[in-house]
PDB file of N, CA and C in Angstrom:
ATOM      1  N   MET A   1      15.367 -81.826  11.520  1.00  0.00           N
ATOM      2  CA  MET A   1      14.766 -83.034  10.666  1.00  0.00           C
ATOM      3  C   MET A   1      15.211 -84.135  11.578  1.00  0.00           C
ATOM      4  N   ALA A   2      15.658 -83.750  12.885  1.00  0.00           N
ATOM      5  CA  ALA A   2      16.483 -85.378  13.534  1.00  0.00           C
ATOM      6  C   ALA A   2      14.986 -85.974  14.734  1.00  0.00           C
ATOM      7  N   GLY A   3      15.180 -87.453  14.762  1.00  0.00           N
ATOM      8  CA  GLY A   3      14.438 -88.560  15.153  1.00  0.00           C
ATOM      9  C   GLY A   3      13.025 -88.908  14.518  1.00  0.00           C
ATOM     10  N   GLY A   4      13.558 -88.730  13.230  1.00  0.00           N
ATOM     11  CA  GLY A   4      12.944 -89.605  12.207  1.00  0.00           C
ATOM     12  C   GLY A   4      11.495 -88.852  11.823  1.00  0.00           C
ATOM     13  N   GLY A   5      11.480 -87.680  11.818  1.00  0.00           N
ATOM     14  CA  GLY A   5      10.208 -86.528  11.646  1.00  0.00           C
ATOM     15  C   GLY A   5      10.800 -85.917  10.275  1.00  0.00           C
ATOM     16  N   GLY A   6      11.967 -86.288  10.151  1.00  0.00           N
ATOM     17  CA  GLY A   6      12.210 -85.387   8.634  1.00  0.00           C
ATOM     18  C   GLY A   6      12.074 -85.491   7.826  1.00  0.00           C
ATOM     19  N   PHE A   7      11.776 -86.927   7.695  1.00  0.00           N
ATOM     20  CA  PHE A   7      11.096 -87.486   6.268  1.00  0.00           C
ATOM     21  C   PHE A   7      10.196 -87.271   5.842  1.00  0.00           C
ATOM     22  N   ARG A   8       9.224 -86.968   7.156  1.00  0.00           N
ATOM     23  CA  ARG A   8       7.701 -86.664   6.829  1.00  0.00           C
ATOM     24  C   ARG A   8       7.737 -85.107   6.561  1.00  0.00           C
ATOM     25  N   GLU A   9       8.635 -84.345   7.004  1.00  0.00           N
ATOM     26  CA  GLU A   9       8.589 -83.184   6.956  1.00  0.00           C
ATOM     27  C   GLU A   9       8.712 -82.788   5.266  1.00  0.00           C
ATOM     28  N   VAL A  10       9.943 -83.623   5.036  1.00  0.00           N
ATOM     29  CA  VAL A  10      10.456 -83.023   3.627  1.00  0.00           C
ATOM     30  C   VAL A  10       9.738 -83.768   1.991  1.00  0.00           C
ATOM     31  N   PHE A  11       8.345 -84.980   2.576  1.00  0.00           N
ATOM     32  CA  PHE A  11       7.648 -85.263   1.640  1.00  0.00           C
ATOM     33  C   PHE A  11       6.545 -84.256   1.755  1.00  0.00           C
ATOM     34  N   ASP A  12       5.810 -83.732   2.765  1.00  0.00           N
ATOM     35  CA  ASP A  12       5.475 -82.699   3.061  1.00  0.00           C
ATOM     36  C   ASP A  12       5.437 -81.816   2.117  1.00  0.00           C
ATOM     37  N   ARG A  13       7.200 -81.084   1.879  1.00  0.00           N
ATOM     38  CA  ARG A  13       7.390 -80.125   1.131  1.00  0.00           C
ATOM     39  C   ARG A  13       7.035 -80.374  -0.083  1.00  0.00           C
ATOM     40  N   ILE A  14       7.304 -81.841  -0.300  1.00  0.00           N
ATOM     41  CA  ILE A  14       7.528 -81.839  -2.159  1.00  0.00           C
ATOM     42  C   ILE A  14       6.022 -81.909  -2.469  1.00  0.00           C
ATOM     43  N   GLU A  15       5.286 -82.746  -1.821  1.00  0.00           N
ATOM     44  CA  GLU A  15       3.665 -82.891  -2.209  1.00  0.00           C
ATOM     45  C   GLU A  15       3.031 -81.669  -1.882  1.00  0.00           C
ATOM     46  N   ALA A  16       3.526 -80.955  -1.333  1.00  0.00           N
ATOM     47  CA  ALA A  16       2.819 -79.299  -1.298  1.00  0.00           C
ATOM     48  C   ALA A  16       3.239 -78.541  -3.085  1.00  0.00           C
ATOM     49  N   GLN A  17       4.601 -78.900  -2.842  1.00  0.00           N
ATOM     50  CA  GLN A  17       5.036 -78.132  -3.861  1.00  0.00           C
ATOM     51  C   GLN A  17       4.522 -79.006  -5.693  1.00  0.00           C
ATOM     52  N   ARG A  18       4.053 -80.374  -5.604  1.00  0.00           N
ATOM     53  CA  ARG A  18       3.408 -81.021  -6.598  1.00  0.00           C
ATOM     54  C   ARG A  18       1.923 -80.353  -6.708  1.00  0.00           C
ATOM     55  N   TRP A  19       1.438 -80.543  -5.607  1.00  0.00           N
ATOM     56  CA  TRP A  19       0.120 -79.623  -5.172  1.00  0.00           C
ATOM     57  C   TRP A  19       0.057 -78.327  -6.048  1.00  0.00           C
ATOM     58  N   ALA A  20       0.895 -77.247  -5.397  1.00  0.00           N
ATOM     59  CA  ALA A  20       1.113 -75.966  -6.367  1.00  0.00           C
ATOM     60  C   ALA A  20       1.022 -75.970  -7.987  1.00  0.00           C
ATOM     61  N   GLY A  21       2.166 -76.823  -8.485  1.00  0.00           N
ATOM     62  CA  GLY A  21       2.176 -77.353  -9.321  1.00  0.00           C
ATOM     63  C   GLY A  21       0.688 -77.780 -10.319  1.00  0.00           C
ATOM     64  N   ILE A  22      -0.160 -78.571  -9.849  1.00  0.00           N
ATOM     65  CA  ILE A  22      -1.158 -79.028 -10.511  1.00  0.00           C
ATOM     66  C   ILE A  22      -2.194 -77.756 -10.414  1.00  0.00           C
ATOM     67  N   GLY A  23      -2.574 -76.854  -9.242  1.00  0.00           N
ATOM     68  CA  GLY A  23      -3.469 -75.855  -9.530  1.00  0.00           C
ATOM     69  C   GLY A  23      -3.153 -75.176 -10.312  1.00  0.00           C
ATOM     70  N   LEU A  24      -1.661 -74.999 -10.940  1.00  0.00           N
ATOM     71  CA  LEU A  24      -1.093 -74.350 -12.117  1.00  0.00           C
ATOM     72  C   LEU A  24      -1.568 -74.597 -13.390  1.00  0.00           C
ATOM     73  N   ILE A  25      -1.389 -76.060 -13.343  1.00  0.00           N
ATOM     74  CA  ILE A  25      -1.661 -76.699 -14.409  1.00  0.00           C
ATOM     75  C   ILE A  25      -3.408 -76.504 -14.597  1.00  0.00           C
ATOM     76  N   ALA A  26      -4.339 -76.534 -13.512  1.00  0.00           N
ATOM     77  CA  ALA A  26      -5.703 -76.702 -14.096  1.00  0.00           C
ATOM     78  C   ALA A  26      -5.926 -75.307 -14.153  1.00  0.00           C
ATOM     79  N   ALA A  27      -5.238 -74.188 -13.618  1.00  0.00           N
ATOM     80  CA  ALA A  27      -5.735 -73.040 -13.790  1.00  0.00           C
ATOM     81  C   ALA A  27      -5.691 -72.246 -15.391  1.00  0.00           C
ATOM     82  N   VAL A  28      -4.263 -72.916 -16.063  1.00  0.00           N
ATOM     83  CA  VAL A  28      -4.085 -72.411 -17.395  1.00  0.00           C
ATOM     84  C   VAL A  28      -5.097 -73.613 -18.043  1.00  0.00           C
ATOM     85  N   THR A  29      -4.975 -74.697 -17.782  1.00  0.00           N
ATOM     86  CA  THR A  29      -6.136 -75.660 -18.604  1.00  0.00           C
ATOM     87  C   THR A  29      -7.480 -74.999 -18.361  1.00  0.00           C
ATOM     88  N   GLY A  30      -7.831 -74.647 -17.702  1.00  0.00           N
ATOM     89  CA  GLY A  30      -9.419 -74.445 -17.239  1.00  0.00           C
ATOM     90  C   GLY A  30     -10.133 -75.191 -16.975  1.00  0.00           C
ATOM     91  N   LEU A  31      -9.042 -76.770 -16.048  1.00  0.00           N
ATOM     92  CA  LEU A  31      -9.867 -77.424 -15.322  1.00  0.00           C
ATOM     93  C   LEU A  31     -10.720 -77.001 -14.200  1.00  0.00           C
ATOM     94  N   ASP A  32     -11.285 -77.384 -13.781  1.00  0.00           N
ATOM     95  CA  ASP A  32     -11.714 -77.689 -12.490  1.00  0.00           C
ATOM     96  C   ASP A  32     -11.251 -78.212 -10.922  1.00  0.00           C
ATOM     97  N   ALA A  33     -10.179 -77.826 -10.446  1.00  0.00           N
ATOM     98  CA  ALA A  33      -9.477 -78.406  -9.602  1.00  0.00           C
ATOM     99  C   ALA A  33     -10.008 -78.699  -8.276  1.00  0.00           C
ATOM    100  N   ASP A  34     -11.082 -78.458  -8.450  1.00  0.00           N
ATOM    101  CA  ASP A  34     -11.873 -78.481  -6.718  1.00  0.00           C
ATOM    102  C   ASP A  34     -12.670 -79.958  -6.995  1.00  0.00           C
ATOM    103  N   ARG A  35     -12.807 -80.518  -8.069  1.00  0.00           N
ATOM    104  CA  ARG A  35     -13.336 -81.995  -8.741  1.00  0.00           C
ATOM    105  C   ARG A  35     -12.331 -82.939  -8.094  1.00  0.00           C
ATOM    106  N   ALA A  36     -13.141 -83.901  -7.221  1.00  0.00           N
ATOM    107  CA  ALA A  36     -12.071 -84.967  -7.546  1.00  0.00           C
ATOM    108  C   ALA A  36     -11.159 -86.248  -8.366  1.00  0.00           C
ATOM    109  N   ASP A  37     -12.292 -85.965  -9.751  1.00  0.00           N
ATOM    110  CA  ASP A  37     -11.386 -86.615 -10.571  1.00  0.00           C
ATOM    111  C   ASP A  37     -10.325 -86.310 -11.195  1.00  0.00           C
ATOM    112  N   VAL A  38     -10.653 -84.436 -11.228  1.00  0.00           N
ATOM    113  CA  VAL A  38      -9.419 -83.461 -12.011  1.00  0.00           C
ATOM    114  C   VAL A  38      -7.860 -83.725 -10.863  1.00  0.00           C
ATOM    115  N   ARG A  39      -8.111 -83.991  -9.814  1.00  0.00           N
ATOM    116  CA  ARG A  39      -6.931 -83.937  -9.027  1.00  0.00           C
ATOM    117  C   ARG A  39      -6.324 -85.503  -9.209  1.00  0.00           C
ATOM    118  N   ALA A  40      -7.328 -86.389  -8.933  1.00  0.00           N
ATOM    119  CA  ALA A  40      -6.799 -87.325  -9.269  1.00  0.00           C
ATOM    120  C   ALA A  40      -6.159 -87.651 -10.842  1.00  0.00           C
ATOM    121  N   VAL A  41      -6.605 -87.325 -11.764  1.00  0.00           N
ATOM    122  CA  VAL A  41      -6.338 -87.556 -13.094  1.00  0.00           C
ATOM    123  C   VAL A  41      -4.716 -86.430 -13.040  1.00  0.00           C
ATOM    124  N   LEU A  42      -4.820 -85.137 -12.623  1.00  0.00           N
ATOM    125  CA  LEU A  42      -3.295 -84.699 -12.901  1.00  0.00           C
ATOM    126  C   LEU A  42      -2.021 -85.420 -11.604  1.00  0.00           C
ATOM    127  N   ARG A  43      -3.010 -85.157 -10.609  1.00  0.00           N
ATOM    128  CA  ARG A  43      -1.669 -85.976  -9.860  1.00  0.00           C
ATOM    129  C   ARG A  43      -1.249 -86.973 -10.103  1.00  0.00           C
ATOM    130  N   GLY A  44      -1.934 -88.202 -10.966  1.00  0.00           N
ATOM    131  CA  GLY A  44      -1.224 -88.997 -11.569  1.00  0.00           C
ATOM    132  C   GLY A  44      -0.955 -88.841 -12.614  1.00  0.00           C
ATOM    133  N   TRP A  45      -0.885 -87.914 -13.322  1.00  0.00           N
ATOM    134  CA  TRP A  45       0.086 -87.495 -14.906  1.00  0.00           C
ATOM    135  C   TRP A  45       1.064 -87.128 -14.056  1.00  0.00           C
ATOM    136  N   VAL A  46       1.561 -85.928 -13.148  1.00  0.00           N
ATOM    137  CA  VAL A  46       2.457 -85.773 -12.244  1.00  0.00           C
ATOM    138  C   VAL A  46       3.331 -86.652 -11.669  1.00  0.00           C
ATOM    139  N   GLY A  47       2.900 -87.902 -10.801  1.00  0.00           N
ATOM    140  CA  GLY A  47       3.548 -89.175 -10.808  1.00  0.00           C
ATOM    141  C   GLY A  47       4.003 -89.803 -11.947  1.00  0.00           C
ATOM    142  N   PHE A  48       3.264 -89.954 -12.628  1.00  0.00           N
ATOM    143  CA  PHE A  48       3.989 -90.389 -14.164  1.00  0.00           C
ATOM    144  C   PHE A  48       4.857 -89.424 -14.939  1.00  0.00           C
ATOM    145  N   LEU A  49       4.972 -88.456 -14.851  1.00  0.00           N
ATOM    146  CA  LEU A  49       6.105 -87.666 -15.611  1.00  0.00           C
ATOM    147  C   LEU A  49       7.147 -87.241 -14.429  1.00  0.00           C
ATOM    148  N   GLU A  50       6.984 -87.750 -12.848  1.00  0.00           N
ATOM    149  CA  GLU A  50       8.196 -88.000 -12.606  1.00  0.00           C
ATOM    150  C   GLU A  50       9.247 -89.219 -12.164  1.00  0.00           C
ATOM    151  N   GLY A  51       8.140 -90.025 -12.988  1.00  0.00           N
ATOM    152  CA  GLY A  51       8.562 -91.301 -12.660  1.00  0.00           C
ATOM    153  C   GLY A  51       9.247 -91.901 -14.325  1.00  0.00           C
ATOM    154  N   ALA A  52       8.928 -90.976 -14.847  1.00  0.00           N
ATOM    155  CA  ALA A  52       9.262 -91.169 -16.847  1.00  0.00           C
ATOM    156  C   ALA A  52      10.670 -90.299 -16.468  1.00  0.00           C
ATOM    157  N   ILE A  53      10.954 -89.109 -15.867  1.00  0.00           N
ATOM    158  CA  ILE A  53      11.942 -88.256 -15.796  1.00  0.00           C
ATOM    159  C   ILE A  53      13.192 -89.143 -15.504  1.00  0.00           C
ATOM    160  N   LEU A  54      12.977 -89.455 -14.386  1.00  0.00           N
ATOM    161  CA  LEU A  54      13.824 -90.085 -13.382  1.00  0.00           C
ATOM    162  C   LEU A  54      14.161 -91.504 -14.113  1.00  0.00           C
ATOM    163  N   ALA A  55      13.183 -92.265 -14.821  1.00  0.00           N
ATOM    164  CA  ALA A  55      13.796 -93.274 -15.586  1.00  0.00           C
ATOM    165  C   ALA A  55      14.963 -92.936 -16.753  1.00  0.00           C
ATOM    166  N   SER A  56      14.147 -91.943 -17.201  1.00  0.00           N
ATOM    167  CA  SER A  56      15.297 -91.668 -18.667  1.00  0.00           C
ATOM    168  C   SER A  56      17.004 -90.889 -18.111  1.00  0.00           C
ATOM    169  N   LEU A  57      16.728 -90.653 -16.897  1.00  0.00           N
ATOM    170  CA  LEU A  57      18.100 -89.920 -16.269  1.00  0.00           C
ATOM    171  C   LEU A  57      19.332 -91.209 -16.293  1.00  0.00           C
ATOM    172  N   GLU A  58      18.426 -92.486 -15.605  1.00  0.00           N
ATOM    173  CA  GLU A  58      19.429 -93.602 -15.158  1.00  0.00           C
ATOM    174  C   GLU A  58      20.086 -94.174 -16.670  1.00  0.00           C
ATOM    175  N   ARG A  59      18.852 -93.794 -17.753  1.00  0.00           N
ATOM    176  CA  ARG A  59      19.943 -93.939 -19.300  1.00  0.00           C
ATOM    177  C   ARG A  59      20.491 -93.091 -20.372  1.00  0.00           C
ATOM    178  N   PRO A  60      21.327 -93.364 -20.252  1.00  0.00           N
ATOM    179  CA  PRO A  60      22.087 -92.379 -21.510  1.00  0.00           C
ATOM    180  C   PRO A  60      21.653 -92.532 -23.025  1.00  0.00           C
ATOM    181  N   ASP A  61      21.065 -93.237 -22.945  1.00  0.00           N
ATOM    182  CA  ASP A  61      20.178 -93.378 -24.774  1.00  0.00           C
ATOM    183  C   ASP A  61      18.958 -93.274 -24.520  1.00  0.00           C
ATOM    184  N   SER A  62      18.587 -92.601 -23.555  1.00  0.00           N
ATOM    185  CA  SER A  62      16.826 -92.239 -23.621  1.00  0.00           C
ATOM    186  C   SER A  62      16.733 -90.748 -24.609  1.00  0.00           C
ATOM    187  N   ASP A  63      15.848 -91.100 -24.804  1.00  0.00           N
ATOM    188  CA  ASP A  63      14.836 -89.967 -26.191  1.00  0.00           C
ATOM    189  C   ASP A  63      14.468 -89.206 -25.772  1.00  0.00           C
ATOM    190  N   ARG A  64      14.654 -87.770 -25.663  1.00  0.00           N
ATOM    191  CA  ARG A  64      13.793 -86.826 -25.165  1.00  0.00           C
ATOM    192  C   ARG A  64      12.396 -86.462 -25.362  1.00  0.00           C
ATOM    193  N   GLU A  65      12.479 -86.641 -26.660  1.00  0.00           N
ATOM    194  CA  GLU A  65      11.736 -86.252 -27.585  1.00  0.00           C
ATOM    195  C   GLU A  65      10.172 -87.691 -26.943  1.00  0.00           C
ATOM    196  N   THR A  66      10.645 -88.481 -26.953  1.00  0.00           N
ATOM    197  CA  THR A  66       9.806 -89.796 -27.038  1.00  0.00           C
ATOM    198  C   THR A  66       9.150 -89.283 -25.780  1.00  0.00           C
ATOM    199  N   LEU A  67      10.097 -89.117 -24.328  1.00  0.00           N
ATOM    200  CA  LEU A  67       9.850 -88.592 -23.390  1.00  0.00           C
ATOM    201  C   LEU A  67       8.674 -87.424 -22.889  1.00  0.00           C
ATOM    202  N   ILE A  68       8.594 -86.828 -24.377  1.00  0.00           N
ATOM    203  CA  ILE A  68       8.163 -85.553 -24.002  1.00  0.00           C
ATOM    204  C   ILE A  68       6.815 -86.280 -24.787  1.00  0.00           C
ATOM    205  N   GLY A  69       6.881 -86.652 -25.855  1.00  0.00           N
ATOM    206  CA  GLY A  69       5.392 -87.461 -26.784  1.00  0.00           C
ATOM    207  C   GLY A  69       4.628 -88.082 -25.347  1.00  0.00           C
ATOM    208  N   ALA A  70       5.438 -89.306 -24.770  1.00  0.00           N
ATOM    209  CA  ALA A  70       4.865 -89.701 -23.863  1.00  0.00           C
ATOM    210  C   ALA A  70       4.248 -88.982 -23.013  1.00  0.00           C
ATOM    211  N   ALA A  71       4.441 -88.189 -22.490  1.00  0.00           N
ATOM    212  CA  ALA A  71       4.396 -87.473 -21.420  1.00  0.00           C
ATOM    213  C   ALA A  71       2.934 -86.674 -21.485  1.00  0.00           C
ATOM    214  N   VAL A  72       2.631 -86.333 -23.277  1.00  0.00           N
ATOM    215  CA  VAL A  72       2.083 -85.690 -23.761  1.00  0.00           C
ATOM    216  C   VAL A  72       0.574 -86.479 -24.279  1.00  0.00           C
ATOM    217  N   ALA A  73       0.899 -87.988 -24.342  1.00  0.00           N
ATOM    218  CA  ALA A  73      -0.016 -88.618 -24.823  1.00  0.00           C
ATOM    219  C   ALA A  73      -0.769 -89.027 -23.517  1.00  0.00           C
ATOM    220  N   VAL A  74      -0.333 -88.939 -22.305  1.00  0.00           N
ATOM    221  CA  VAL A  74      -0.598 -89.209 -20.996  1.00  0.00           C
ATOM    222  C   VAL A  74      -1.767 -88.565 -20.338  1.00  0.00           C
ATOM    223  N   PHE A  75      -1.022 -87.255 -21.041  1.00  0.00           N
ATOM    224  CA  PHE A  75      -2.269 -86.357 -20.187  1.00  0.00           C
ATOM    225  C   PHE A  75      -3.016 -86.308 -21.251  1.00  0.00           C
ATOM    226  N   ASP A  76      -3.242 -86.342 -22.840  1.00  0.00           N
ATOM    227  CA  ASP A  76      -4.086 -86.076 -23.585  1.00  0.00           C
ATOM    228  C   ASP A  76      -5.130 -86.876 -23.189  1.00  0.00           C
ATOM    229  N   ALA A  77      -4.657 -88.313 -22.963  1.00  0.00           N
ATOM    230  CA  ALA A  77      -5.647 -89.533 -22.146  1.00  0.00           C
ATOM    231  C   ALA A  77      -6.732 -89.160 -21.054  1.00  0.00           C
ATOM    232  N   GLY A  78      -5.826 -88.528 -20.345  1.00  0.00           N
ATOM    233  CA  GLY A  78      -6.619 -88.354 -18.680  1.00  0.00           C
ATOM    234  C   GLY A  78      -7.176 -87.527 -18.898  1.00  0.00           C
ATOM    235  N   LEU A  79      -7.141 -85.916 -20.209  1.00  0.00           N
ATOM    236  CA  LEU A  79      -8.099 -84.923 -20.500  1.00  0.00           C
ATOM    237  C   LEU A  79      -9.343 -85.680 -20.789  1.00  0.00           C
ATOM    238  N   SER A  80      -9.040 -86.674 -21.928  1.00  0.00           N
ATOM    239  CA  SER A  80     -10.121 -87.288 -22.715  1.00  0.00           C
ATOM    240  C   SER A  80     -10.922 -87.986 -21.826  1.00  0.00           C
ATOM    241  N   LYS A  81     -10.271 -88.915 -20.586  1.00  0.00           N
ATOM    242  CA  LYS A  81     -11.383 -89.795 -20.030  1.00  0.00           C
ATOM    243  C   LYS A  81     -12.348 -88.534 -18.869  1.00  0.00           C
ATOM    244  N   LEU A  82     -11.610 -87.807 -18.756  1.00  0.00           N
ATOM    245  CA  LEU A  82     -12.685 -85.876 -17.630  1.00  0.00           C
ATOM    246  C   LEU A  82     -13.323 -86.091 -18.452  1.00  0.00           C
ATOM    247  N   GLY A  83     -13.342 -85.159 -20.342  1.00  0.00           N
ATOM    248  CA  GLY A  83     -14.571 -84.588 -20.882  1.00  0.00           C
ATOM    249  C   GLY A  83     -14.453 -83.325 -20.514  1.00  0.00           C
ATOM    250  N   VAL A  84     -15.295 -82.839 -21.022  1.00  0.00           N
ATOM    251  CA  VAL A  84     -15.626 -81.230 -21.100  1.00  0.00           C
ATOM    252  C   VAL A  84     -16.232 -80.764 -20.198  1.00  0.00           C
ATOM    253  N   ASP A  85     -16.561 -81.173 -19.214  1.00  0.00           N
ATOM    254  CA  ASP A  85     -17.543 -80.965 -18.165  1.00  0.00           C
ATOM    255  C   ASP A  85     -16.278 -80.790 -16.885  1.00  0.00           C
ATOM    256  N   ALA A  86     -15.241 -80.830 -17.286  1.00  0.00           N
ATOM    257  CA  ALA A  86     -14.084 -81.103 -15.914  1.00  0.00           C
ATOM    258  C   ALA A  86     -13.736 -79.758 -16.636  1.00  0.00           C
ATOM    259  N   ILE A  87     -14.132 -78.703 -17.226  1.00  0.00           N
ATOM    260  CA  ILE A  87     -13.398 -77.425 -17.532  1.00  0.00           C
ATOM    261  C   ILE A  87     -14.457 -76.670 -16.748  1.00  0.00           C
ATOM    262  N   GLY A  88     -13.846 -76.020 -15.580  1.00  0.00           N
ATOM    263  CA  GLY A  88     -14.733 -74.863 -14.805  1.00  0.00           C
ATOM    264  C   GLY A  88     -15.149 -73.858 -15.519  1.00  0.00           C
TER     265      GLY A  88
END
């Protein structure tokens, strides 16, 4: 990982794991992961979730239930925008 190429390698590995998780979420929920809009909504949700978790770790007074509720609400909002035709 010398010579500045290490960051890209780490980023690619992390991103690959994100997409593996997105594939699992799509499979469990019955969403068509080949659709660009489904992929965008799920990738956006994963980004929100990562950011929310990191922000909550910085604050000892963070409420876990609020974080979970917000994550579920954002996921539901994304699904509602996709509509039933997004289900494979």
